[in-house]
N, C-alpha and C. Protein backbone atom coordinates (compact mmCIF):
# COMPACT_ATOMS: atom_id res chain seq x y z
N MET A 1 -4.34 -36.67 -6.83
CA MET A 1 -2.76 -36.47 -7.64
C MET A 1 -3.49 -36.71 -8.99
N THR A 2 -2.90 -35.86 -9.78
CA THR A 2 -2.73 -35.81 -11.39
C THR A 2 -1.65 -36.82 -11.89
N ARG A 3 -2.40 -37.64 -13.46
CA ARG A 3 -1.52 -37.97 -13.91
C ARG A 3 -0.30 -37.14 -14.80
N PRO A 4 0.86 -37.87 -14.68
CA PRO A 4 1.48 -36.14 -15.91
C PRO A 4 1.20 -36.85 -17.38
N THR A 5 1.43 -35.83 -17.94
CA THR A 5 1.25 -35.68 -19.25
C THR A 5 2.50 -36.87 -19.73
N PHE A 6 2.03 -36.84 -20.96
CA PHE A 6 2.74 -38.26 -22.45
C PHE A 6 4.13 -37.42 -22.19
N GLU A 7 4.61 -35.77 -22.35
CA GLU A 7 5.61 -35.02 -22.28
C GLU A 7 6.26 -35.33 -21.10
N ASP A 8 5.89 -34.94 -19.98
CA ASP A 8 6.55 -35.17 -18.27
C ASP A 8 6.88 -36.59 -18.40
N PHE A 9 6.01 -37.66 -18.58
CA PHE A 9 6.29 -39.07 -18.73
C PHE A 9 8.26 -39.10 -19.16
N LYS A 10 8.20 -38.58 -20.96
CA LYS A 10 9.02 -38.51 -21.57
C LYS A 10 10.38 -37.48 -21.34
N VAL A 11 10.17 -37.14 -20.19
CA VAL A 11 11.68 -35.89 -19.80
C VAL A 11 11.52 -36.91 -18.62
N GLU A 12 11.28 -37.46 -18.22
CA GLU A 12 11.63 -37.84 -16.75
C GLU A 12 12.12 -39.35 -17.11
N ALA A 13 11.94 -40.21 -18.20
CA ALA A 13 12.36 -41.37 -18.73
C ALA A 13 13.79 -41.16 -19.12
N LEU A 14 13.83 -40.08 -20.12
CA LEU A 14 15.36 -39.77 -21.36
C LEU A 14 16.03 -39.26 -20.13
N ARG A 15 15.78 -39.29 -18.86
CA ARG A 15 17.19 -38.83 -17.69
C ARG A 15 17.46 -40.27 -17.28
N LYS A 16 16.95 -40.91 -17.35
CA LYS A 16 17.52 -42.36 -17.13
C LYS A 16 18.65 -42.93 -18.28
N ASP A 17 19.62 -43.84 -17.24
CA ASP A 17 20.97 -44.15 -18.05
C ASP A 17 20.25 -45.07 -18.91
N GLY A 18 20.45 -44.98 -20.27
CA GLY A 18 20.88 -45.98 -22.00
C GLY A 18 19.03 -45.44 -22.28
N VAL A 19 18.21 -45.04 -21.66
CA VAL A 19 17.12 -44.48 -22.56
C VAL A 19 17.52 -43.78 -23.67
N LYS A 20 18.10 -42.52 -23.61
CA LYS A 20 18.05 -41.53 -23.90
C LYS A 20 18.95 -41.74 -25.84
N GLU A 21 19.71 -42.76 -25.19
CA GLU A 21 20.89 -43.58 -25.99
C GLU A 21 19.55 -44.43 -27.44
N GLU A 22 18.64 -45.18 -26.35
CA GLU A 22 17.81 -46.02 -27.72
C GLU A 22 17.06 -45.39 -27.92
N TYR A 23 16.52 -44.50 -27.63
CA TYR A 23 15.34 -43.36 -27.73
C TYR A 23 15.73 -42.79 -29.32
N GLU A 24 17.19 -42.72 -29.21
CA GLU A 24 17.83 -41.27 -30.24
C GLU A 24 18.47 -42.45 -31.77
N ARG A 25 18.36 -43.91 -30.97
CA ARG A 25 18.75 -44.93 -31.87
C ARG A 25 17.05 -45.51 -32.58
N LEU A 26 16.58 -45.36 -31.72
CA LEU A 26 14.95 -46.36 -33.29
C LEU A 26 13.95 -44.98 -33.40
N LYS A 27 14.90 -43.51 -33.19
CA LYS A 27 13.74 -42.52 -34.03
C LYS A 27 13.71 -42.24 -35.50
N PRO A 28 15.14 -42.60 -36.54
CA PRO A 28 14.79 -42.99 -37.34
C PRO A 28 13.82 -43.81 -37.62
N GLU A 29 13.63 -45.36 -37.78
CA GLU A 29 12.40 -46.29 -37.77
C GLU A 29 11.07 -45.72 -37.25
N TYR A 30 10.88 -44.95 -36.07
CA TYR A 30 9.44 -44.85 -35.75
C TYR A 30 9.26 -44.08 -36.85
N LYS A 31 10.23 -42.78 -37.41
CA LYS A 31 9.66 -41.58 -37.76
C LYS A 31 9.12 -41.82 -39.25
N LEU A 32 9.75 -43.17 -39.83
CA LEU A 32 9.59 -43.57 -41.34
C LEU A 32 8.23 -44.73 -41.42
N LYS A 33 8.06 -45.12 -40.16
CA LYS A 33 6.64 -46.45 -39.81
C LYS A 33 5.39 -44.93 -39.31
N LYS A 34 5.77 -43.51 -38.82
CA LYS A 34 4.82 -43.45 -38.86
C LYS A 34 4.25 -42.27 -40.41
N LYS A 35 5.30 -42.14 -41.14
CA LYS A 35 5.29 -41.65 -42.57
C LYS A 35 4.86 -42.67 -43.42
N LEU A 36 4.66 -44.16 -43.26
CA LEU A 36 3.94 -44.85 -44.15
C LEU A 36 2.53 -45.35 -43.46
N ILE A 37 1.94 -45.05 -42.17
CA ILE A 37 1.09 -45.01 -41.66
C ILE A 37 0.23 -43.50 -42.29
N GLN A 38 0.79 -42.63 -42.00
CA GLN A 38 0.22 -41.22 -42.44
C GLN A 38 0.23 -41.27 -44.30
N MET A 39 0.84 -41.93 -45.10
CA MET A 39 0.84 -41.52 -46.45
C MET A 39 -0.44 -42.78 -46.71
N LYS A 40 -0.19 -44.02 -46.27
CA LYS A 40 -1.94 -44.59 -46.42
C LYS A 40 -3.06 -44.15 -46.08
N LYS A 41 -3.18 -43.32 -44.96
CA LYS A 41 -4.09 -43.03 -44.40
C LYS A 41 -4.52 -41.74 -45.68
N GLU A 42 -3.56 -40.72 -45.93
CA GLU A 42 -3.84 -39.40 -46.89
C GLU A 42 -4.50 -40.21 -48.48
N ALA A 43 -4.07 -41.31 -48.64
CA ALA A 43 -4.11 -42.57 -49.70
C ALA A 43 -5.59 -43.22 -49.38
N ASN A 44 -6.42 -42.89 -47.96
CA ASN A 44 -7.39 -43.21 -48.14
C ASN A 44 -7.83 -44.87 -48.47
N LEU A 45 -6.88 -45.59 -47.23
CA LEU A 45 -6.54 -46.82 -47.79
C LEU A 45 -6.65 -47.58 -46.58
N THR A 46 -6.92 -48.57 -46.48
CA THR A 46 -7.21 -49.76 -44.97
C THR A 46 -5.58 -50.47 -45.50
N GLN A 47 -5.48 -51.12 -44.17
CA GLN A 47 -4.24 -52.31 -44.70
C GLN A 47 -4.84 -53.49 -45.49
N GLU A 48 -6.02 -53.39 -45.32
CA GLU A 48 -6.69 -54.60 -46.41
C GLU A 48 -6.56 -54.05 -47.75
N GLN A 49 -6.86 -53.20 -47.89
CA GLN A 49 -6.92 -52.67 -49.24
C GLN A 49 -5.36 -52.62 -49.95
N LEU A 50 -4.53 -51.94 -48.41
CA LEU A 50 -2.69 -52.14 -49.14
C LEU A 50 -2.62 -53.23 -49.57
N ALA A 51 -2.98 -54.18 -48.94
CA ALA A 51 -2.28 -55.66 -48.59
C ALA A 51 -2.77 -56.06 -50.74
N GLN A 52 -4.08 -56.08 -50.47
CA GLN A 52 -4.51 -56.48 -51.98
C GLN A 52 -3.35 -55.56 -53.16
N MET A 53 -3.46 -54.53 -53.03
CA MET A 53 -3.01 -53.71 -53.94
C MET A 53 -1.34 -53.89 -54.06
N LEU A 54 -0.72 -54.81 -53.08
CA LEU A 54 0.86 -55.47 -52.90
C LEU A 54 0.83 -56.97 -52.92
N HIS A 55 0.02 -57.57 -53.34
CA HIS A 55 -0.31 -58.81 -53.53
C HIS A 55 0.50 -59.57 -52.48
N THR A 56 0.02 -59.44 -51.21
CA THR A 56 0.43 -59.52 -49.38
C THR A 56 -0.64 -59.74 -48.63
N LYS A 57 -0.40 -59.94 -47.43
CA LYS A 57 -1.58 -60.10 -46.24
C LYS A 57 -1.64 -58.98 -45.64
N LYS A 58 -2.78 -59.19 -45.01
CA LYS A 58 -2.96 -57.71 -44.21
C LYS A 58 -2.00 -57.87 -43.11
N SER A 59 -2.24 -58.81 -42.32
CA SER A 59 -0.83 -59.03 -41.27
C SER A 59 0.58 -58.82 -41.56
N ASN A 60 0.96 -58.72 -43.04
CA ASN A 60 2.65 -57.85 -43.62
C ASN A 60 2.33 -56.48 -43.26
N ILE A 61 1.61 -56.31 -43.84
CA ILE A 61 1.57 -54.71 -43.68
C ILE A 61 1.00 -54.43 -42.03
N SER A 62 0.38 -54.65 -41.27
CA SER A 62 0.91 -54.53 -40.30
C SER A 62 2.06 -54.43 -39.31
N ARG A 63 2.48 -55.30 -39.96
CA ARG A 63 3.97 -55.70 -39.40
C ARG A 63 4.93 -54.83 -39.79
N LEU A 64 4.69 -54.09 -40.85
CA LEU A 64 5.42 -53.41 -41.34
C LEU A 64 5.44 -52.09 -41.08
N GLU A 65 4.37 -51.76 -40.48
CA GLU A 65 4.02 -50.33 -39.96
C GLU A 65 3.76 -50.39 -38.45
N SER A 66 4.07 -51.50 -37.50
CA SER A 66 4.18 -52.05 -36.43
C SER A 66 5.46 -51.25 -35.56
N PHE A 67 4.92 -50.80 -34.43
CA PHE A 67 6.17 -49.88 -33.99
C PHE A 67 6.91 -51.14 -32.84
N SER A 68 6.24 -52.03 -32.45
CA SER A 68 7.03 -53.21 -31.98
C SER A 68 7.21 -54.33 -32.64
N SER A 69 7.27 -54.18 -33.92
CA SER A 69 8.14 -55.11 -34.90
C SER A 69 9.75 -54.96 -35.04
N ASP A 70 10.27 -56.11 -35.42
CA ASP A 70 11.68 -56.02 -35.36
C ASP A 70 11.80 -56.29 -37.18
N SER A 71 10.65 -56.23 -37.52
CA SER A 71 11.31 -56.83 -39.47
C SER A 71 11.97 -55.75 -39.65
N ASP A 72 12.51 -56.46 -41.08
CA ASP A 72 13.74 -55.60 -41.87
C ASP A 72 13.11 -55.13 -43.07
N LEU A 73 12.95 -53.59 -43.39
CA LEU A 73 12.34 -53.38 -44.12
C LEU A 73 13.32 -53.10 -45.29
N ARG A 74 12.51 -53.69 -46.41
CA ARG A 74 13.12 -54.19 -48.06
C ARG A 74 13.10 -52.84 -48.39
N ILE A 75 13.98 -52.19 -49.04
CA ILE A 75 13.69 -51.28 -50.34
C ILE A 75 12.99 -51.45 -51.57
N SER A 76 12.64 -52.85 -51.91
CA SER A 76 11.72 -52.87 -53.00
C SER A 76 10.00 -52.98 -52.36
N THR A 77 10.03 -52.96 -50.72
CA THR A 77 8.84 -52.90 -50.56
C THR A 77 8.22 -51.57 -50.05
N LEU A 78 9.71 -50.68 -49.68
CA LEU A 78 9.10 -49.93 -49.32
C LEU A 78 8.44 -48.52 -50.67
N MET A 79 9.42 -49.27 -52.18
CA MET A 79 9.20 -48.88 -53.25
C MET A 79 7.77 -49.23 -53.69
N ALA A 80 7.38 -49.88 -53.10
CA ALA A 80 5.97 -50.59 -53.69
C ALA A 80 4.72 -49.40 -53.09
N TYR A 81 5.13 -49.89 -51.58
CA TYR A 81 4.22 -48.78 -51.12
C TYR A 81 4.12 -47.66 -51.20
N ALA A 82 5.05 -47.38 -51.35
CA ALA A 82 5.33 -45.84 -51.62
C ALA A 82 4.04 -45.66 -53.29
N GLU A 83 4.28 -46.27 -54.15
CA GLU A 83 3.66 -46.11 -55.64
C GLU A 83 2.12 -46.40 -55.07
N ALA A 84 2.06 -47.36 -54.25
CA ALA A 84 0.68 -48.02 -54.13
C ALA A 84 -0.38 -46.68 -53.24
N THR A 85 0.68 -45.71 -52.42
CA THR A 85 -0.20 -44.53 -51.77
C THR A 85 -0.11 -43.60 -52.87
N GLY A 86 0.38 -43.38 -53.75
CA GLY A 86 0.87 -42.44 -54.40
C GLY A 86 1.94 -41.57 -54.31
N HIS A 87 2.57 -42.07 -54.06
CA HIS A 87 4.12 -41.05 -53.89
C HIS A 87 5.51 -42.03 -54.38
N LYS A 88 6.83 -41.40 -54.20
CA LYS A 88 7.66 -42.04 -54.89
C LYS A 88 8.89 -41.91 -53.81
N LEU A 89 9.48 -43.01 -53.49
CA LEU A 89 10.37 -43.07 -52.25
C LEU A 89 11.74 -42.77 -52.84
N LYS A 90 12.04 -41.89 -51.95
CA LYS A 90 13.59 -41.00 -52.18
C LYS A 90 14.15 -41.63 -50.45
N ILE A 91 15.58 -42.11 -50.93
CA ILE A 91 16.30 -42.38 -50.04
C ILE A 91 17.33 -41.41 -49.88
N ASP A 92 18.09 -40.72 -48.74
CA ASP A 92 18.88 -39.64 -48.15
C ASP A 92 19.87 -40.05 -47.61
N PHE A 93 20.90 -39.43 -47.75
CA PHE A 93 21.95 -39.75 -46.20
C PHE A 93 22.55 -37.88 -45.72
N VAL A 94 22.34 -37.85 -44.47
CA VAL A 94 22.98 -36.61 -43.99
C VAL A 94 24.31 -36.69 -43.04
């Protein structure tokens, strides 16, 4: 028996009651955290280096980027993260 692909698993999971709603609810946060990680990689920075630039601990950067963390993201933190990775923060509503 072959293992299902992630895409097959996702399709099946989204059919279950409540899963699709929760998936949609969490999508913006996951998108943001993936973007933070991408920005850090493009800037060739480690979590430790970024933590030093932001005058914080590596564990705080790890928590900020973690998909399992429930920490609230502060705008000031996002602005500092963006600046440290050579970006600017832009917030928009659609």
